Protein backbone atom coordinates (compact mmCIF):
# COMPACT_ATOMS: atom_id res chain seq x y z
CA MET A 1 91.21 84.12 108.00
CA ILE A 2 91.97 87.85 107.95
CA MET A 3 94.98 88.62 106.31
CA ARG A 4 97.67 90.79 107.71
CA TYR A 5 101.22 91.79 106.35
CA LYS A 6 104.48 92.78 107.97
CA SER A 7 107.71 94.33 106.32
CA THR A 8 110.34 91.59 105.38
CA GLY A 9 112.92 94.07 106.41
CA ARG A 10 114.40 94.32 102.68
CA ALA A 11 113.93 98.10 102.69
CA GLU A 12 113.23 100.82 105.09
CA LEU A 13 110.77 103.61 104.86
CA ARG A 14 112.25 107.14 104.99
CA GLU A 15 110.32 110.36 104.87
CA ILE A 16 112.29 113.11 103.45
CA GLY A 17 109.69 115.35 101.79
CA ASP A 18 108.41 112.38 99.71
CA ALA A 19 108.33 108.78 101.26
CA ILE A 20 110.78 106.68 100.11
CA LEU A 21 111.65 102.80 100.33
CA LEU A 22 115.39 102.35 100.65
CA PRO A 23 116.29 98.87 99.50
CA LYS A 24 119.01 97.07 101.63
CA LYS A 25 122.08 96.25 99.54
CA GLY A 26 121.63 93.34 97.66
CA ALA A 27 118.33 92.37 99.20
CA ILE A 28 116.37 92.84 95.97
CA GLU A 29 117.76 91.78 92.73
CA ASN A 30 118.63 94.57 90.17
CA MET A 31 117.72 97.25 93.07
CA ASP A 32 121.25 98.31 94.01
CA ASN A 33 121.76 102.06 93.83
CA LYS A 34 118.05 102.80 93.24
CA VAL A 35 115.31 103.76 95.56
CA LEU A 36 111.53 103.58 95.59
CA ILE A 37 109.46 106.84 95.82
CA LEU A 38 106.08 106.43 97.04
CA ASN A 39 103.11 108.97 96.33
CA ASN A 40 100.99 110.07 99.19
CA VAL A 41 98.57 107.18 98.91
CA ALA A 42 101.08 104.60 98.61
CA ALA A 43 103.09 105.79 101.67
CA TYR A 44 99.75 105.75 103.44
CA LEU A 45 99.03 102.19 102.32
CA TRP A 46 102.45 101.30 103.35
CA LYS A 47 102.47 102.48 106.70
CA GLN A 48 98.96 100.79 107.57
CA LEU A 49 99.96 97.29 106.07
CA THR A 50 103.29 97.20 107.90
CA GLU A 51 101.32 98.05 111.21
CA GLY A 52 99.32 94.94 110.75
CA VAL A 53 95.89 96.83 109.94
CA THR A 54 93.61 94.60 107.84
CA ARG A 55 92.67 95.34 104.02
CA GLU A 56 89.13 95.85 105.37
CA ASP A 57 90.06 98.46 107.99
CA ILE A 58 92.44 100.12 105.66
CA VAL A 59 89.63 100.60 103.07
CA ALA A 60 87.17 101.59 105.87
CA ASP A 61 89.74 104.36 107.04
CA ALA A 62 91.03 105.50 103.69
CA LEU A 63 87.32 106.35 102.46
CA THR A 64 87.00 108.76 105.26
CA ARG A 65 90.39 110.24 104.33
CA PHE A 66 90.01 110.46 100.62
CA LYS A 67 87.59 111.33 98.05
CA VAL A 68 87.51 108.08 96.42
CA GLN A 69 85.07 105.26 95.49
CA GLU A 70 85.06 102.01 97.39
CA ASP A 71 85.69 99.53 94.41
CA GLU A 72 88.41 101.69 92.95
CA LEU A 73 90.21 101.94 96.37
CA SER A 74 89.88 98.14 96.82
CA LYS A 75 91.22 97.45 93.54
CA ASP A 76 94.21 99.70 94.07
CA LEU A 77 95.03 98.32 97.49
CA ALA A 78 95.12 95.14 95.96
CA TYR A 79 97.50 95.96 93.23
CA PHE A 80 99.80 97.70 95.66
CA VAL A 81 99.78 94.70 98.01
CA GLU A 82 100.32 92.36 95.11
CA THR A 83 103.41 94.74 94.00
CA VAL A 84 105.02 95.18 97.12
CA VAL A 85 104.61 91.40 98.02
CA HIS A 86 106.01 90.42 94.55
CA LEU A 87 109.04 92.73 95.11
CA GLY A 88 109.70 90.98 98.40
CA LEU A 89 108.92 94.13 100.52
CA LEU A 90 105.85 92.66 102.29
CA ALA A 91 105.04 89.06 103.46
CA GLU A 92 101.98 87.75 104.79
CA ALA A 93 101.53 87.51 108.45
CA PRO A 94 98.31 85.78 109.37
CA SER A 95 99.29 85.87 112.81
CA ALA A 96 100.00 89.43 113.40
CA LYS A 97 98.34 91.24 116.02
CA PRO A 98 95.28 93.24 114.76
CA ARG A 99 95.62 96.88 114.90
CA LYS A 100 93.20 99.70 113.76
CA PRO A 101 94.42 102.38 111.70
CA ARG A 102 95.44 105.55 113.18
CA GLU A 103 93.10 108.31 113.88
CA SER A 104 92.92 111.25 111.14
CA PRO A 105 94.23 114.45 112.17
CA PRO A 106 91.53 117.12 112.62
CA GLY A 107 90.72 118.66 109.10
CA GLU A 108 92.08 115.53 107.36
CA SER A 109 88.97 113.31 106.94
CA GLY A 110 87.20 112.98 103.72
CA ASP A 111 88.78 116.31 102.10
CA ARG A 112 92.10 114.93 100.44
CA GLN A 113 92.41 114.47 96.98
CA TYR A 114 92.83 110.66 96.22
CA ARG A 115 95.71 109.73 93.71
CA HIS A 116 96.17 105.90 92.51
CA PRO A 117 99.16 104.38 94.92
CA LYS A 118 102.30 104.47 92.63
CA LEU A 119 105.88 103.75 93.14
CA TYR A 120 108.39 105.38 91.18
CA LEU A 121 111.74 103.64 90.69
CA TYR A 122 114.68 106.32 90.91
CA ASP A 123 118.18 105.22 89.97
CA LEU A 124 120.71 107.21 91.97
CA GLU A 125 123.24 106.69 89.29
CA THR A 126 121.69 107.89 86.16
CA ASP A 127 119.10 110.23 87.82
CA GLU A 128 116.25 108.58 85.92
CA GLU A 129 112.85 108.14 87.23
CA THR A 130 110.30 105.52 86.06
CA ALA A 131 106.85 105.06 87.29
CA PHE A 132 105.58 101.51 87.43
CA GLY A 133 102.39 99.79 88.52
CA PRO A 134 98.99 98.79 87.23
CA HIS A 135 98.20 102.48 85.97
CA VAL A 136 101.43 102.93 84.44
CA ARG A 137 102.40 101.41 80.87
CA GLY A 138 106.23 101.64 81.41
CA ARG A 139 108.68 98.95 80.06
CA SER A 140 111.25 99.20 83.19
CA TYR A 141 112.50 95.61 84.27
CA VAL A 142 110.48 96.23 87.56
CA HIS A 143 107.41 96.79 85.56
CA ARG A 144 107.97 93.63 83.45
CA ALA A 145 108.56 91.55 86.70
CA VAL A 146 105.45 93.00 88.48
CA THR A 147 103.12 92.79 85.63
CA ARG A 148 104.03 89.14 84.87
CA GLY A 149 102.27 88.63 88.34
CA TRP A 150 99.46 90.83 87.46
CA HIS A 151 98.19 89.65 84.18
CA GLY A 152 101.15 87.20 82.73
CA GLY A 153 103.25 89.79 80.88
CA CYS A 154 104.14 93.27 79.83
CA CYS A 155 101.07 95.34 78.53
């Protein structure tokens, strides 16, 4: 069965310069007064996943958009999906209607620099930003919670 995903509605995507996920008050433990900032690749993956595009179609499309190897992209996509599912922001939706990725605007195909998809936790009260994910060795509570799912504990 081909797996698709849908937003759980616990966070809302806003694009204000950067793409941010704004968690709803009380929807995610320890996330009040915090936002998640997505880099360009993470924002692209989020949009594709929440529109019901399959992982296979995302990889095929991203390979035409970014300068990246397929195995690196597939691994990063798997980590990203695992992260947002673990945080409760995406859920599996096996019955979602299949969709193809949006067409790339002219001049965008294959020439964009690829960066590993990253989420940054930004605390609105302390003005601190913490990156977390498989490419970061931080020690935030979000990092500890997510890495427990990736490999059983903090790195």
